[in-house]
Protein backbone atom coordinates (compact mmCIF):
# COMPACT_ATOMS: atom_id res chain seq x y z
CA MET A 1 31.38 -148.05 3.13
CA SER A 2 32.28 -144.64 1.83
CA LEU A 3 29.12 -143.06 0.48
CA ALA A 4 31.06 -140.54 -1.61
CA SER A 5 33.10 -143.21 -3.39
CA TRP A 6 30.02 -145.37 -3.92
CA ARG A 7 28.06 -142.47 -5.41
CA ALA A 8 30.98 -141.67 -7.72
CA LEU A 9 30.21 -144.92 -9.56
CA SER A 10 27.57 -144.90 -12.29
CA ALA A 11 24.37 -146.87 -11.80
CA ARG A 12 25.75 -149.49 -14.19
CA GLU A 13 28.99 -149.77 -12.22
CA ARG A 14 27.13 -150.03 -8.91
CA ALA A 15 24.98 -152.81 -10.39
CA LEU A 16 28.10 -154.56 -11.70
CA VAL A 17 29.71 -154.48 -8.26
CA ALA A 18 26.47 -155.65 -6.64
CA VAL A 19 26.13 -158.63 -8.98
CA ALA A 20 29.79 -159.58 -8.60
CA VAL A 21 29.47 -159.54 -4.80
CA LEU A 22 26.17 -161.40 -4.91
CA ILE A 23 27.57 -164.15 -7.16
CA ASP A 24 30.88 -164.61 -5.39
CA GLY A 25 31.69 -162.10 -2.71
CA SER A 26 35.08 -163.52 -1.89
CA ASP A 27 36.34 -163.28 -5.49
CA ALA A 28 34.39 -160.20 -6.62
CA GLN A 29 37.41 -157.95 -6.06
CA LEU A 30 39.53 -160.20 -8.25
CA TYR A 31 37.00 -160.18 -11.09
CA LEU A 32 36.44 -156.44 -10.97
CA GLY A 33 40.16 -155.77 -10.75
CA CYS A 34 40.42 -156.91 -14.38
CA ASP A 35 38.43 -153.94 -15.68
CA ASP A 36 40.66 -151.86 -17.97
CA GLU A 37 39.29 -148.44 -17.06
CA ARG A 38 37.93 -148.40 -13.51
CA SER A 39 39.44 -151.46 -11.85
CA GLU A 40 40.62 -149.69 -8.70
CA GLN A 41 37.27 -148.00 -8.00
CA LEU A 42 35.26 -151.17 -8.71
CA ARG A 43 37.61 -153.35 -6.67
CA ARG A 44 37.48 -150.95 -3.74
CA ALA A 45 33.68 -150.79 -3.85
CA ALA A 46 33.46 -154.60 -3.86
CA GLU A 47 35.88 -154.81 -0.95
CA GLU A 48 33.83 -152.36 1.09
CA LEU A 49 30.57 -154.08 0.17
CA CYS A 50 31.99 -157.48 1.20
CA GLY A 51 32.87 -155.94 4.56
CA LEU A 52 29.21 -155.48 5.44
CA ASP A 53 27.31 -157.97 7.55
CA VAL A 54 25.81 -160.60 5.21
CA ASP A 55 22.19 -159.62 5.96
CA ALA A 56 22.89 -155.94 5.37
CA ARG A 57 24.91 -156.76 2.26
CA VAL A 58 22.10 -158.80 0.65
CA ALA A 59 19.54 -156.10 1.39
CA PHE A 60 21.84 -153.39 0.06
CA VAL A 61 22.62 -155.35 -3.11
CA GLY A 62 18.90 -155.77 -3.79
CA THR A 63 18.34 -152.05 -3.38
CA VAL A 64 21.29 -151.21 -5.65
CA LEU A 65 20.00 -153.48 -8.40
CA ARG A 66 16.45 -152.11 -8.15
CA LEU A 67 17.72 -148.53 -8.36
CA ALA A 68 19.91 -149.37 -11.35
CA LEU A 69 16.89 -150.77 -13.16
CA GLU A 70 14.87 -147.68 -12.34
CA GLU A 71 17.62 -145.43 -13.69
CA GLY A 72 17.54 -147.38 -16.93
CA GLU A 73 21.27 -147.87 -17.32
């Protein structure tokens, strides 16, 4: 996963990608591709996140959601 492209997303967008991948990893890219403004960035982030090993992905998603809550977005 490209750290620079991931960090370019806001905390809210990172949380959105994390939840989409957590709920349905295989279709997360499809769902996020419907966003009017940032579809390409969100879709790409979901694709990269889905490429991680499932154990690493679940741990990473949990961390992303916790950090988003801490940032208050």
